[in-house]
Amino acid sequence: MAYDRTDRVSEEVRRELAAMVPHALKDPRIPEMLSIVTVDVTRDLRYAKVRVSVMGSEQQRKDAVAGLSSAAGFLRHELSKKLQLRTVPELLFEADDSIEYSVHIAQVMQQLDIPPESDDPEDSE
């Protein structure tokens, strides 16, 4: 039962942050093309690990995480206005490179030039 609540709170926090971050923050380190990938709230609802995806260099990802971390207090305050929670979890931001990784894997697979498999059983004989 506790997991249902943490899942619900995680999704609510993710949805609100995704709506808030591009518009509410004016920090130049935070790009407009930033995605909130996942939010994992601890079982006691004290902390929320927020994974963000930023297209760009490693330095741009670090800068975006630093900008979000410096705005964490403001974001928590705004979340407290929007969410019906007794206490809003402390936000811990980290970069998520899964999108870049999947693009890299797709590029490597294209370079392998593997011929497509035939579905015709006569071709395998």
PDB file of N, CA and C in Angstrom:
ATOM      1  N   MET A   1       0.813  -1.190   0.000  1.00  0.00           N
ATOM      2  CA  MET A   1       0.000   0.000   0.000  1.00  0.00           C
ATOM      3  C   MET A   1       0.865   1.265   0.000  1.00  0.00           C
ATOM      4  N   ALA A   2       1.982   1.237   0.698  1.00  0.00           N
ATOM      5  CA  ALA A   2       2.870   2.395   0.749  1.00  0.00           C
ATOM      6  C   ALA A   2       3.452   2.680  -0.633  1.00  0.00           C
ATOM      7  N   TYR A   3       3.685   1.634  -1.408  1.00  0.00           N
ATOM      8  CA  TYR A   3       4.250   1.843  -2.736  1.00  0.00           C
ATOM      9  C   TYR A   3       3.261   2.548  -3.647  1.00  0.00           C
ATOM     10  N   ASP A   4       1.972   2.281  -3.489  1.00  0.00           N
ATOM     11  CA  ASP A   4       0.979   2.972  -4.292  1.00  0.00           C
ATOM     12  C   ASP A   4       1.040   4.476  -4.038  1.00  0.00           C
ATOM     13  N   ARG A   5       1.206   4.855  -2.783  1.00  0.00           N
ATOM     14  CA  ARG A   5       1.269   6.279  -2.456  1.00  0.00           C
ATOM     15  C   ARG A   5       2.547   6.903  -3.008  1.00  0.00           C
ATOM     16  N   THR A   6       3.689   6.240  -2.847  1.00  0.00           N
ATOM     17  CA  THR A   6       4.933   6.818  -3.358  1.00  0.00           C
ATOM     18  C   THR A   6       4.891   6.927  -4.877  1.00  0.00           C
ATOM     19  N   ASP A   7       4.294   5.942  -5.536  1.00  0.00           N
ATOM     20  CA  ASP A   7       4.156   6.013  -6.996  1.00  0.00           C
ATOM     21  C   ASP A   7       3.270   7.182  -7.406  1.00  0.00           C
ATOM     22  N   ARG A   8       2.183   7.375  -6.678  1.00  0.00           N
ATOM     23  CA  ARG A   8       1.263   8.470  -6.981  1.00  0.00           C
ATOM     24  C   ARG A   8       1.944   9.826  -6.764  1.00  0.00           C
ATOM     25  N   VAL A   9       2.636   9.964  -5.638  1.00  0.00           N
ATOM     26  CA  VAL A   9       3.330  11.218  -5.345  1.00  0.00           C
ATOM     27  C   VAL A   9       4.440  11.453  -6.354  1.00  0.00           C
ATOM     28  N   SER A  10       5.178  10.408  -6.716  1.00  0.00           N
ATOM     29  CA  SER A  10       6.247  10.545  -7.717  1.00  0.00           C
ATOM     30  C   SER A  10       5.694  11.077  -9.027  1.00  0.00           C
ATOM     31  N   GLU A  11       4.579  10.520  -9.469  1.00  0.00           N
ATOM     32  CA  GLU A  11       3.985  10.948 -10.731  1.00  0.00           C
ATOM     33  C   GLU A  11       3.452  12.377 -10.639  1.00  0.00           C
ATOM     34  N   GLU A  12       2.846  12.734  -9.517  1.00  0.00           N
ATOM     35  CA  GLU A  12       2.346  14.098  -9.355  1.00  0.00           C
ATOM     36  C   GLU A  12       3.489  15.108  -9.367  1.00  0.00           C
ATOM     37  N   VAL A  13       4.573  14.802  -8.669  1.00  0.00           N
ATOM     38  CA  VAL A  13       5.732  15.693  -8.635  1.00  0.00           C
ATOM     39  C   VAL A  13       6.336  15.806 -10.033  1.00  0.00           C
ATOM     40  N   ARG A  14       6.469  14.682 -10.744  1.00  0.00           N
ATOM     41  CA  ARG A  14       7.028  14.709 -12.101  1.00  0.00           C
ATOM     42  C   ARG A  14       6.176  15.572 -13.025  1.00  0.00           C
ATOM     43  N   ARG A  15       4.874  15.388 -12.960  1.00  0.00           N
ATOM     44  CA  ARG A  15       3.971  16.144 -13.831  1.00  0.00           C
ATOM     45  C   ARG A  15       4.047  17.646 -13.543  1.00  0.00           C
ATOM     46  N   GLU A  16       4.044  18.023 -12.276  1.00  0.00           N
ATOM     47  CA  GLU A  16       4.093  19.441 -11.919  1.00  0.00           C
ATOM     48  C   GLU A  16       5.445  20.068 -12.275  1.00  0.00           C
ATOM     49  N   LEU A  17       6.535  19.337 -12.026  1.00  0.00           N
ATOM     50  CA  LEU A  17       7.852  19.865 -12.381  1.00  0.00           C
ATOM     51  C   LEU A  17       7.988  20.037 -13.894  1.00  0.00           C
ATOM     52  N   ALA A  18       7.468  19.068 -14.646  1.00  0.00           N
ATOM     53  CA  ALA A  18       7.549  19.149 -16.112  1.00  0.00           C
ATOM     54  C   ALA A  18       6.810  20.378 -16.624  1.00  0.00           C
ATOM     55  N   ALA A  19       5.721  20.741 -15.982  1.00  0.00           N
ATOM     56  CA  ALA A  19       4.967  21.918 -16.396  1.00  0.00           C
ATOM     57  C   ALA A  19       5.634  23.212 -15.932  1.00  0.00           C
ATOM     58  N   MET A  20       6.297  23.154 -14.780  1.00  0.00           N
ATOM     59  CA  MET A  20       6.857  24.344 -14.161  1.00  0.00           C
ATOM     60  C   MET A  20       8.223  24.752 -14.693  1.00  0.00           C
ATOM     61  N   VAL A  21       9.123  23.796 -14.826  1.00  0.00           N
ATOM     62  CA  VAL A  21      10.539  24.102 -15.064  1.00  0.00           C
ATOM     63  C   VAL A  21      10.785  24.963 -16.306  1.00  0.00           C
ATOM     64  N   PRO A  22      10.220  24.658 -17.459  1.00  0.00           N
ATOM     65  CA  PRO A  22      10.565  25.481 -18.625  1.00  0.00           C
ATOM     66  C   PRO A  22      10.094  26.937 -18.508  1.00  0.00           C
ATOM     67  N   HIS A  23       9.041  27.185 -17.735  1.00  0.00           N
ATOM     68  CA  HIS A  23       8.439  28.513 -17.708  1.00  0.00           C
ATOM     69  C   HIS A  23       8.789  29.326 -16.463  1.00  0.00           C
ATOM     70  N   ALA A  24       8.967  28.673 -15.340  1.00  0.00           N
ATOM     71  CA  ALA A  24       9.126  29.393 -14.074  1.00  0.00           C
ATOM     72  C   ALA A  24      10.570  29.796 -13.785  1.00  0.00           C
ATOM     73  N   LEU A  25      11.532  29.131 -14.397  1.00  0.00           N
ATOM     74  CA  LEU A  25      12.932  29.400 -14.080  1.00  0.00           C
ATOM     75  C   LEU A  25      13.580  30.217 -15.196  1.00  0.00           C
ATOM     76  N   LYS A  26      14.294  31.238 -14.798  1.00  0.00           N
ATOM     77  CA  LYS A  26      14.961  32.106 -15.771  1.00  0.00           C
ATOM     78  C   LYS A  26      16.475  31.941 -15.739  1.00  0.00           C
ATOM     79  N   ASP A  27      16.952  30.884 -15.149  1.00  0.00           N
ATOM     80  CA  ASP A  27      18.389  30.621 -15.048  1.00  0.00           C
ATOM     81  C   ASP A  27      18.930  30.265 -16.435  1.00  0.00           C
ATOM     82  N   PRO A  28      19.956  30.958 -16.922  1.00  0.00           N
ATOM     83  CA  PRO A  28      20.488  30.652 -18.264  1.00  0.00           C
ATOM     84  C   PRO A  28      21.137  29.279 -18.362  1.00  0.00           C
ATOM     85  N   ARG A  29      21.460  28.662 -17.235  1.00  0.00           N
ATOM     86  CA  ARG A  29      22.052  27.320 -17.273  1.00  0.00           C
ATOM     87  C   ARG A  29      21.023  26.256 -17.606  1.00  0.00           C
ATOM     88  N   ILE A  30      19.753  26.575 -17.434  1.00  0.00           N
ATOM     89  CA  ILE A  30      18.683  25.598 -17.651  1.00  0.00           C
ATOM     90  C   ILE A  30      18.096  25.814 -19.045  1.00  0.00           C
ATOM     91  N   PRO A  31      18.327  24.868 -19.964  1.00  0.00           N
ATOM     92  CA  PRO A  31      17.820  25.040 -21.332  1.00  0.00           C
ATOM     93  C   PRO A  31      16.310  24.806 -21.398  1.00  0.00           C
ATOM     94  N   GLU A  32      15.700  25.343 -22.449  1.00  0.00           N
ATOM     95  CA  GLU A  32      14.267  25.124 -22.645  1.00  0.00           C
ATOM     96  C   GLU A  32      13.982  23.674 -23.019  1.00  0.00           C
ATOM     97  N   MET A  33      14.930  23.022 -23.665  1.00  0.00           N
ATOM     98  CA  MET A  33      14.753  21.629 -24.082  1.00  0.00           C
ATOM     99  C   MET A  33      15.223  20.677 -22.984  1.00  0.00           C
ATOM    100  N   LEU A  34      14.622  20.780 -21.839  1.00  0.00           N
ATOM    101  CA  LEU A  34      14.948  19.931 -20.709  1.00  0.00           C
ATOM    102  C   LEU A  34      13.730  19.064 -20.425  1.00  0.00           C
ATOM    103  N   SER A  35      13.946  17.779 -20.183  1.00  0.00           N
ATOM    104  CA  SER A  35      12.847  16.867 -19.893  1.00  0.00           C
ATOM    105  C   SER A  35      13.018  16.278 -18.507  1.00  0.00           C
ATOM    106  N   ILE A  36      11.926  16.229 -17.763  1.00  0.00           N
ATOM    107  CA  ILE A  36      11.906  15.519 -16.486  1.00  0.00           C
ATOM    108  C   ILE A  36      11.584  14.071 -16.840  1.00  0.00           C
ATOM    109  N   VAL A  37      12.573  13.187 -16.723  1.00  0.00           N
ATOM    110  CA  VAL A  37      12.413  11.806 -17.153  1.00  0.00           C
ATOM    111  C   VAL A  37      11.660  11.005 -16.095  1.00  0.00           C
ATOM    112  N   THR A  38      12.189  10.973 -14.896  1.00  0.00           N
ATOM    113  CA  THR A  38      11.535  10.239 -13.814  1.00  0.00           C
ATOM    114  C   THR A  38      11.709  10.987 -12.503  1.00  0.00           C
ATOM    115  N   VAL A  39      10.817  10.682 -11.583  1.00  0.00           N
ATOM    116  CA  VAL A  39      10.922  11.157 -10.205  1.00  0.00           C
ATOM    117  C   VAL A  39      10.699   9.948  -9.320  1.00  0.00           C
ATOM    118  N   ASP A  40      11.654   9.685  -8.437  1.00  0.00           N
ATOM    119  CA  ASP A  40      11.536   8.577  -7.486  1.00  0.00           C
ATOM    120  C   ASP A  40      11.495   9.161  -6.078  1.00  0.00           C
ATOM    121  N   VAL A  41      10.342   9.029  -5.436  1.00  0.00           N
ATOM    122  CA  VAL A  41      10.168   9.532  -4.076  1.00  0.00           C
ATOM    123  C   VAL A  41      10.449   8.393  -3.112  1.00  0.00           C
ATOM    124  N   THR A  42      11.177   8.698  -2.038  1.00  0.00           N
ATOM    125  CA  THR A  42      11.463   7.675  -1.035  1.00  0.00           C
ATOM    126  C   THR A  42      10.169   7.297  -0.305  1.00  0.00           C
ATOM    127  N   ARG A  43      10.184   6.141   0.340  1.00  0.00           N
ATOM    128  CA  ARG A  43       8.985   5.629   1.007  1.00  0.00           C
ATOM    129  C   ARG A  43       8.484   6.567   2.098  1.00  0.00           C
ATOM    130  N   ASP A  44       9.401   7.297   2.756  1.00  0.00           N
ATOM    131  CA  ASP A  44       8.968   8.223   3.797  1.00  0.00           C
ATOM    132  C   ASP A  44       8.599   9.598   3.237  1.00  0.00           C
ATOM    133  N   LEU A  45       8.642   9.758   1.923  1.00  0.00           N
ATOM    134  CA  LEU A  45       8.265  10.980   1.203  1.00  0.00           C
ATOM    135  C   LEU A  45       9.123  12.193   1.564  1.00  0.00           C
ATOM    136  N   ARG A  46      10.330  11.959   2.052  1.00  0.00           N
ATOM    137  CA  ARG A  46      11.201  13.073   2.427  1.00  0.00           C
ATOM    138  C   ARG A  46      12.072  13.550   1.270  1.00  0.00           C
ATOM    139  N   TYR A  47      12.432  12.658   0.373  1.00  0.00           N
ATOM    140  CA  TYR A  47      13.331  12.993  -0.732  1.00  0.00           C
ATOM    141  C   TYR A  47      12.737  12.523  -2.049  1.00  0.00           C
ATOM    142  N   ALA A  48      13.034  13.286  -3.096  1.00  0.00           N
ATOM    143  CA  ALA A  48      12.632  12.910  -4.450  1.00  0.00           C
ATOM    144  C   ALA A  48      13.838  13.053  -5.355  1.00  0.00           C
ATOM    145  N   LYS A  49      14.254  11.948  -5.947  1.00  0.00           N
ATOM    146  CA  LYS A  49      15.359  11.973  -6.914  1.00  0.00           C
ATOM    147  C   LYS A  49      14.752  12.262  -8.282  1.00  0.00           C
ATOM    148  N   VAL A  50      15.132  13.404  -8.844  1.00  0.00           N
ATOM    149  CA  VAL A  50      14.575  13.862 -10.110  1.00  0.00           C
ATOM    150  C   VAL A  50      15.639  13.684 -11.186  1.00  0.00           C
ATOM    151  N   ARG A  51      15.345  12.822 -12.178  1.00  0.00           N
ATOM    152  CA  ARG A  51      16.273  12.609 -13.279  1.00  0.00           C
ATOM    153  C   ARG A  51      15.828  13.456 -14.461  1.00  0.00           C
ATOM    154  N   VAL A  52      16.771  14.251 -14.966  1.00  0.00           N
ATOM    155  CA  VAL A  52      16.465  15.157 -16.078  1.00  0.00           C
ATOM    156  C   VAL A  52      17.334  14.817 -17.277  1.00  0.00           C
ATOM    157  N   SER A  53      16.762  15.023 -18.445  1.00  0.00           N
ATOM    158  CA  SER A  53      17.489  14.785 -19.690  1.00  0.00           C
ATOM    159  C   SER A  53      17.702  16.121 -20.381  1.00  0.00           C
ATOM    160  N   VAL A  54      18.951  16.366 -20.753  1.00  0.00           N
ATOM    161  CA  VAL A  54      19.323  17.595 -21.451  1.00  0.00           C
ATOM    162  C   VAL A  54      20.115  17.188 -22.679  1.00  0.00           C
ATOM    163  N   MET A  55      19.645  17.619 -23.840  1.00  0.00           N
ATOM    164  CA  MET A  55      20.391  17.361 -25.059  1.00  0.00           C
ATOM    165  C   MET A  55      21.535  18.356 -25.125  1.00  0.00           C
ATOM    166  N   GLY A  56      22.738  17.849 -25.291  1.00  0.00           N
ATOM    167  CA  GLY A  56      23.897  18.730 -25.373  1.00  0.00           C
ATOM    168  C   GLY A  56      25.120  18.047 -24.809  1.00  0.00           C
ATOM    169  N   SER A  57      26.121  18.850 -24.532  1.00  0.00           N
ATOM    170  CA  SER A  57      27.389  18.322 -24.041  1.00  0.00           C
ATOM    171  C   SER A  57      27.289  17.953 -22.563  1.00  0.00           C
ATOM    172  N   GLU A  58      28.315  17.277 -22.102  1.00  0.00           N
ATOM    173  CA  GLU A  58      28.392  16.897 -20.683  1.00  0.00           C
ATOM    174  C   GLU A  58      28.377  18.151 -19.801  1.00  0.00           C
ATOM    175  N   GLN A  59      29.063  19.194 -20.235  1.00  0.00           N
ATOM    176  CA  GLN A  59      29.098  20.445 -19.460  1.00  0.00           C
ATOM    177  C   GLN A  59      27.709  21.079 -19.386  1.00  0.00           C
ATOM    178  N   GLN A  60      26.959  21.030 -20.465  1.00  0.00           N
ATOM    179  CA  GLN A  60      25.602  21.576 -20.454  1.00  0.00           C
ATOM    180  C   GLN A  60      24.702  20.807 -19.499  1.00  0.00           C
ATOM    181  N   ARG A  61      24.885  19.481 -19.438  1.00  0.00           N
ATOM    182  CA  ARG A  61      24.104  18.670 -18.490  1.00  0.00           C
ATOM    183  C   ARG A  61      24.458  19.041 -17.058  1.00  0.00           C
ATOM    184  N   LYS A  62      25.760  19.191 -16.784  1.00  0.00           N
ATOM    185  CA  LYS A  62      26.190  19.565 -15.435  1.00  0.00           C
ATOM    186  C   LYS A  62      25.659  20.936 -15.049  1.00  0.00           C
ATOM    187  N   ASP A  63      25.710  21.876 -15.993  1.00  0.00           N
ATOM    188  CA  ASP A  63      25.203  23.224 -15.725  1.00  0.00           C
ATOM    189  C   ASP A  63      23.704  23.209 -15.444  1.00  0.00           C
ATOM    190  N   ALA A  64      22.961  22.421 -16.220  1.00  0.00           N
ATOM    191  CA  ALA A  64      21.514  22.339 -16.017  1.00  0.00           C
ATOM    192  C   ALA A  64      21.186  21.764 -14.640  1.00  0.00           C
ATOM    193  N   VAL A  65      21.903  20.711 -14.244  1.00  0.00           N
ATOM    194  CA  VAL A  65      21.673  20.108 -12.919  1.00  0.00           C
ATOM    195  C   VAL A  65      22.031  21.111 -11.824  1.00  0.00           C
ATOM    196  N   ALA A  66      23.116  21.853 -12.006  1.00  0.00           N
ATOM    197  CA  ALA A  66      23.502  22.874 -11.025  1.00  0.00           C
ATOM    198  C   ALA A  66      22.441  23.968 -10.935  1.00  0.00           C
ATOM    199  N   GLY A  67      21.906  24.388 -12.068  1.00  0.00           N
ATOM    200  CA  GLY A  67      20.859  25.406 -12.074  1.00  0.00           C
ATOM    201  C   GLY A  67      19.591  24.920 -11.387  1.00  0.00           C
ATOM    202  N   LEU A  68      19.212  23.688 -11.670  1.00  0.00           N
ATOM    203  CA  LEU A  68      18.023  23.124 -11.031  1.00  0.00           C
ATOM    204  C   LEU A  68      18.238  22.950  -9.529  1.00  0.00           C
ATOM    205  N   SER A  69      19.430  22.517  -9.152  1.00  0.00           N
ATOM    206  CA  SER A  69      19.728  22.335  -7.730  1.00  0.00           C
ATOM    207  C   SER A  69      19.659  23.661  -6.986  1.00  0.00           C
ATOM    208  N   SER A  70      20.121  24.734  -7.628  1.00  0.00           N
ATOM    209  CA  SER A  70      20.068  26.039  -6.965  1.00  0.00           C
ATOM    210  C   SER A  70      18.639  26.562  -6.874  1.00  0.00           C
ATOM    211  N   ALA A  71      17.755  26.096  -7.739  1.00  0.00           N
ATOM    212  CA  ALA A  71      16.354  26.515  -7.716  1.00  0.00           C
ATOM    213  C   ALA A  71      15.464  25.535  -6.953  1.00  0.00           C
ATOM    214  N   ALA A  72      16.054  24.536  -6.301  1.00  0.00           N
ATOM    215  CA  ALA A  72      15.264  23.491  -5.634  1.00  0.00           C
ATOM    216  C   ALA A  72      14.333  24.066  -4.575  1.00  0.00           C
ATOM    217  N   GLY A  73      14.789  25.036  -3.810  1.00  0.00           N
ATOM    218  CA  GLY A  73      13.938  25.639  -2.777  1.00  0.00           C
ATOM    219  C   GLY A  73      12.724  26.324  -3.379  1.00  0.00           C
ATOM    220  N   PHE A  74      12.940  27.088  -4.439  1.00  0.00           N
ATOM    221  CA  PHE A  74      11.834  27.742  -5.139  1.00  0.00           C
ATOM    222  C   PHE A  74      10.853  26.710  -5.697  1.00  0.00           C
ATOM    223  N   LEU A  75      11.388  25.662  -6.335  1.00  0.00           N
ATOM    224  CA  LEU A  75      10.532  24.627  -6.917  1.00  0.00           C
ATOM    225  C   LEU A  75       9.724  23.910  -5.842  1.00  0.00           C
ATOM    226  N   ARG A  76      10.342  23.636  -4.705  1.00  0.00           N
ATOM    227  CA  ARG A  76       9.621  23.002  -3.583  1.00  0.00           C
ATOM    228  C   ARG A  76       8.487  23.887  -3.109  1.00  0.00           C
ATOM    229  N   HIS A  77       8.766  25.187  -3.002  1.00  0.00           N
ATOM    230  CA  HIS A  77       7.741  26.129  -2.567  1.00  0.00           C
ATOM    231  C   HIS A  77       6.562  26.139  -3.539  1.00  0.00           C
ATOM    232  N   GLU A  78       6.872  26.162  -4.836  1.00  0.00           N
ATOM    233  CA  GLU A  78       5.813  26.147  -5.846  1.00  0.00           C
ATOM    234  C   GLU A  78       5.036  24.831  -5.820  1.00  0.00           C
ATOM    235  N   LEU A  79       5.748  23.719  -5.603  1.00  0.00           N
ATOM    236  CA  LEU A  79       5.067  22.424  -5.499  1.00  0.00           C
ATOM    237  C   LEU A  79       4.123  22.390  -4.301  1.00  0.00           C
ATOM    238  N   SER A  80       4.534  23.021  -3.209  1.00  0.00           N
ATOM    239  CA  SER A  80       3.682  23.014  -2.010  1.00  0.00           C
ATOM    240  C   SER A  80       2.367  23.740  -2.268  1.00  0.00           C
ATOM    241  N   LYS A  81       2.361  24.720  -3.172  1.00  0.00           N
ATOM    242  CA  LYS A  81       1.127  25.422  -3.527  1.00  0.00           C
ATOM    243  C   LYS A  81       0.200  24.545  -4.369  1.00  0.00           C
ATOM    244  N   LYS A  82       0.807  23.694  -5.207  1.00  0.00           N
ATOM    245  CA  LYS A  82       0.023  22.930  -6.171  1.00  0.00           C
ATOM    246  C   LYS A  82      -0.403  21.543  -5.692  1.00  0.00           C
ATOM    247  N   LEU A  83       0.422  20.923  -4.837  1.00  0.00           N
ATOM    248  CA  LEU A  83       0.145  19.559  -4.396  1.00  0.00           C
ATOM    249  C   LEU A  83      -0.453  19.567  -2.992  1.00  0.00           C
ATOM    250  N   GLN A  84      -1.335  18.662  -2.750  1.00  0.00           N
ATOM    251  CA  GLN A  84      -1.975  18.543  -1.437  1.00  0.00           C
ATOM    252  C   GLN A  84      -1.185  17.563  -0.574  1.00  0.00           C
ATOM    253  N   LEU A  85       0.023  17.975  -0.172  1.00  0.00           N
ATOM    254  CA  LEU A  85       0.885  17.137   0.655  1.00  0.00           C
ATOM    255  C   LEU A  85       1.209  17.863   1.951  1.00  0.00           C
ATOM    256  N   ARG A  86       1.352  17.104   3.014  1.00  0.00           N
ATOM    257  CA  ARG A  86       1.729  17.700   4.285  1.00  0.00           C
ATOM    258  C   ARG A  86       3.121  18.311   4.194  1.00  0.00           C
ATOM    259  N   THR A  87       4.044  17.562   3.643  1.00  0.00           N
ATOM    260  CA  THR A  87       5.386  18.078   3.382  1.00  0.00           C
ATOM    261  C   THR A  87       5.789  17.693   1.963  1.00  0.00           C
ATOM    262  N   VAL A  88       6.431  18.614   1.299  1.00  0.00           N
ATOM    263  CA  VAL A  88       6.901  18.366  -0.065  1.00  0.00           C
ATOM    264  C   VAL A  88       8.303  17.788   0.037  1.00  0.00           C
ATOM    265  N   PRO A  89       8.605  16.730  -0.712  1.00  0.00           N
ATOM    266  CA  PRO A  89       9.937  16.117  -0.629  1.00  0.00           C
ATOM    267  C   PRO A  89      11.045  17.068  -1.073  1.00  0.00           C
ATOM    268  N   GLU A  90      12.214  16.873  -0.485  1.00  0.00           N
ATOM    269  CA  GLU A  90      13.397  17.616  -0.916  1.00  0.00           C
ATOM    270  C   GLU A  90      13.799  17.093  -2.292  1.00  0.00           C
ATOM    271  N   LEU A  91      14.078  18.007  -3.206  1.00  0.00           N
ATOM    272  CA  LEU A  91      14.372  17.633  -4.588  1.00  0.00           C
ATOM    273  C   LEU A  91      15.871  17.469  -4.796  1.00  0.00           C
ATOM    274  N   LEU A  92      16.255  16.300  -5.297  1.00  0.00           N
ATOM    275  CA  LEU A  92      17.654  15.991  -5.605  1.00  0.00           C
ATOM    276  C   LEU A  92      17.736  15.724  -7.108  1.00  0.00           C
ATOM    277  N   PHE A  93      18.435  16.576  -7.823  1.00  0.00           N
ATOM    278  CA  PHE A  93      18.490  16.480  -9.283  1.00  0.00           C
ATOM    279  C   PHE A  93      19.734  15.732  -9.741  1.00  0.00           C
ATOM    280  N   GLU A  94      19.557  14.949 -10.806  1.00  0.00           N
ATOM    281  CA  GLU A  94      20.692  14.273 -11.447  1.00  0.00           C
ATOM    282  C   GLU A  94      20.399  14.135 -12.936  1.00  0.00           C
ATOM    283  N   ALA A  95      21.470  14.131 -13.719  1.00  0.00           N
ATOM    284  CA  ALA A  95      21.336  14.013 -15.177  1.00  0.00           C
ATOM    285  C   ALA A  95      21.026  12.578 -15.558  1.00  0.00           C
ATOM    286  N   ASP A  96      20.203  12.429 -16.566  1.00  0.00           N
ATOM    287  CA  ASP A  96      19.854  11.117 -17.097  1.00  0.00           C
ATOM    288  C   ASP A  96      20.290  11.094 -18.558  1.00  0.00           C
ATOM    289  N   ASP A  97      21.182  10.178 -18.890  1.00  0.00           N
ATOM    290  CA  ASP A  97      21.699  10.131 -20.257  1.00  0.00           C
ATOM    291  C   ASP A  97      21.123   8.968 -21.060  1.00  0.00           C
ATOM    292  N   SER A  98      19.986   8.447 -20.663  1.00  0.00           N
ATOM    293  CA  SER A  98      19.425   7.294 -21.356  1.00  0.00           C
ATOM    294  C   SER A  98      19.018   7.619 -22.790  1.00  0.00           C
ATOM    295  N   ILE A  99      18.570   8.836 -23.052  1.00  0.00           N
ATOM    296  CA  ILE A  99      18.178   9.198 -24.418  1.00  0.00           C
ATOM    297  C   ILE A  99      19.406   9.228 -25.324  1.00  0.00           C
ATOM    298  N   GLU A 100      20.481   9.855 -24.850  1.00  0.00           N
ATOM    299  CA  GLU A 100      21.709   9.898 -25.637  1.00  0.00           C
ATOM    300  C   GLU A 100      22.262   8.487 -25.856  1.00  0.00           C
ATOM    301  N   TYR A 101      22.152   7.649 -24.844  1.00  0.00           N
ATOM    302  CA  TYR A 101      22.637   6.276 -24.950  1.00  0.00           C
ATOM    303  C   TYR A 101      21.839   5.512 -26.009  1.00  0.00           C
ATOM    304  N   SER A 102      20.529   5.674 -26.017  1.00  0.00           N
ATOM    305  CA  SER A 102      19.720   4.949 -26.999  1.00  0.00           C
ATOM    306  C   SER A 102      19.996   5.450 -28.413  1.00  0.00           C
ATOM    307  N   VAL A 103      20.253   6.747 -28.570  1.00  0.00           N
ATOM    308  CA  VAL A 103      20.617   7.285 -29.886  1.00  0.00           C
ATOM    309  C   VAL A 103      21.950   6.691 -30.330  1.00  0.00           C
ATOM    310  N   HIS A 104      22.896   6.593 -29.402  1.00  0.00           N
ATOM    311  CA  HIS A 104      24.204   6.006 -29.717  1.00  0.00           C
ATOM    312  C   HIS A 104      24.051   4.544 -30.141  1.00  0.00           C
ATOM    313  N   ILE A 105      23.245   3.779 -29.434  1.00  0.00           N
ATOM    314  CA  ILE A 105      23.030   2.365 -29.775  1.00  0.00           C
ATOM    315  C   ILE A 105      22.404   2.256 -31.169  1.00  0.00           C
ATOM    316  N   ALA A 106      21.451   3.112 -31.474  1.00  0.00           N
ATOM    317  CA  ALA A 106      20.815   3.082 -32.796  1.00  0.00           C
ATOM    318  C   ALA A 106      21.833   3.382 -33.890  1.00  0.00           C
ATOM    319  N   GLN A 107      22.743   4.340 -33.635  1.00  0.00           N
ATOM    320  CA  GLN A 107      23.773   4.670 -34.622  1.00  0.00           C
ATOM    321  C   GLN A 107      24.727   3.498 -34.827  1.00  0.00           C
ATOM    322  N   VAL A 108      25.118   2.843 -33.759  1.00  0.00           N
ATOM    323  CA  VAL A 108      26.021   1.693 -33.860  1.00  0.00           C
ATOM    324  C   VAL A 108      25.352   0.565 -34.639  1.00  0.00           C
ATOM    325  N   MET A 109      24.076   0.324 -34.378  1.00  0.00           N
ATOM    326  CA  MET A 109      23.368  -0.746 -35.090  1.00  0.00           C
ATOM    327  C   MET A 109      23.248  -0.435 -36.578  1.00  0.00           C
ATOM    328  N   GLN A 110      23.069   0.835 -36.918  1.00  0.00           N
ATOM    329  CA  GLN A 110      23.010   1.201 -38.337  1.00  0.00           C
ATOM    330  C   GLN A 110      24.351   0.978 -39.021  1.00  0.00           C
ATOM    331  N   GLN A 111      25.442   1.204 -38.306  1.00  0.00           N
ATOM    332  CA  GLN A 111      26.773   1.029 -38.868  1.00  0.00           C
ATOM    333  C   GLN A 111      27.117  -0.445 -39.070  1.00  0.00           C
ATOM    334  N   LEU A 112      26.479  -1.338 -38.340  1.00  0.00           N
ATOM    335  CA  LEU A 112      26.775  -2.766 -38.470  1.00  0.00           C
ATOM    336  C   LEU A 112      26.315  -3.327 -39.803  1.00  0.00           C
ATOM    337  N   ASP A 113      25.301  -2.733 -40.392  1.00  0.00           N
ATOM    338  CA  ASP A 113      24.800  -3.136 -41.702  1.00  0.00           C
ATOM    339  C   ASP A 113      24.465  -4.630 -41.725  1.00  0.00           C
ATOM    340  N   ILE A 114      23.639  -5.058 -40.812  1.00  0.00           N
ATOM    341  CA  ILE A 114      23.196  -6.459 -40.735  1.00  0.00           C
ATOM    342  C   ILE A 114      22.026  -6.632 -41.693  1.00  0.00           C
ATOM    343  N   PRO A 115      22.095  -7.641 -42.582  1.00  0.00           N
ATOM    344  CA  PRO A 115      20.979  -7.857 -43.514  1.00  0.00           C
ATOM    345  C   PRO A 115      19.742  -8.325 -42.742  1.00  0.00           C
ATOM    346  N   PRO A 116      18.557  -7.899 -43.175  1.00  0.00           N
ATOM    347  CA  PRO A 116      17.329  -8.311 -42.478  1.00  0.00           C
ATOM    348  C   PRO A 116      17.108  -9.809 -42.637  1.00  0.00           C
ATOM    349  N   GLU A 117      16.527 -10.408 -41.604  1.00  0.00           N
ATOM    350  CA  GLU A 117      16.230 -11.841 -41.652  1.00  0.00           C
ATOM    351  C   GLU A 117      14.967 -12.063 -42.472  1.00  0.00           C
ATOM    352  N   SER A 118      14.952 -13.136 -43.201  1.00  0.00           N
ATOM    353  CA  SER A 118      13.799 -13.459 -44.025  1.00  0.00           C
ATOM    354  C   SER A 118      12.827 -14.297 -43.205  1.00  0.00           C
ATOM    355  N   ASP A 119      11.526 -14.059 -43.436  1.00  0.00           N
ATOM    356  CA  ASP A 119      10.484 -14.842 -42.751  1.00  0.00           C
ATOM    357  C   ASP A 119      10.110 -16.077 -43.550  1.00  0.00           C
ATOM    358  N   ASP A 120      10.661 -16.211 -44.754  1.00  0.00           N
ATOM    359  CA  ASP A 120      10.356 -17.331 -45.621  1.00  0.00           C
ATOM    360  C   ASP A 120      11.138 -18.559 -45.200  1.00  0.00           C
ATOM    361  N   PRO A 121      10.472 -19.661 -44.777  1.00  0.00           N
ATOM    362  CA  PRO A 121      11.218 -20.856 -44.325  1.00  0.00           C
ATOM    363  C   PRO A 121      12.018 -21.528 -45.428  1.00  0.00           C
ATOM    364  N   GLU A 122      11.672 -21.338 -46.724  1.00  0.00           N
ATOM    365  CA  GLU A 122      12.409 -21.958 -47.807  1.00  0.00           C
ATOM    366  C   GLU A 122      13.801 -21.343 -47.955  1.00  0.00           C
ATOM    367  N   ASP A 123      13.967 -20.074 -47.537  1.00  0.00           N
ATOM    368  CA  ASP A 123      15.265 -19.414 -47.645  1.00  0.00           C
ATOM    369  C   ASP A 123      16.260 -19.983 -46.675  1.00  0.00           C
ATOM    370  N   SER A 124      15.819 -20.577 -45.580  1.00  0.00           N
ATOM    371  CA  SER A 124      16.742 -21.072 -44.570  1.00  0.00           C
ATOM    372  C   SER A 124      17.311 -22.459 -44.903  1.00  0.00           C
ATOM    373  N   GLU A 125      16.767 -23.091 -45.944  1.00  0.00           N
ATOM    374  CA  GLU A 125      17.239 -24.430 -46.294  1.00  0.00           C
ATOM    375  C   GLU A 125      18.416 -24.410 -47.184  1.00  0.00           C
TER     376      GLU A 125
END
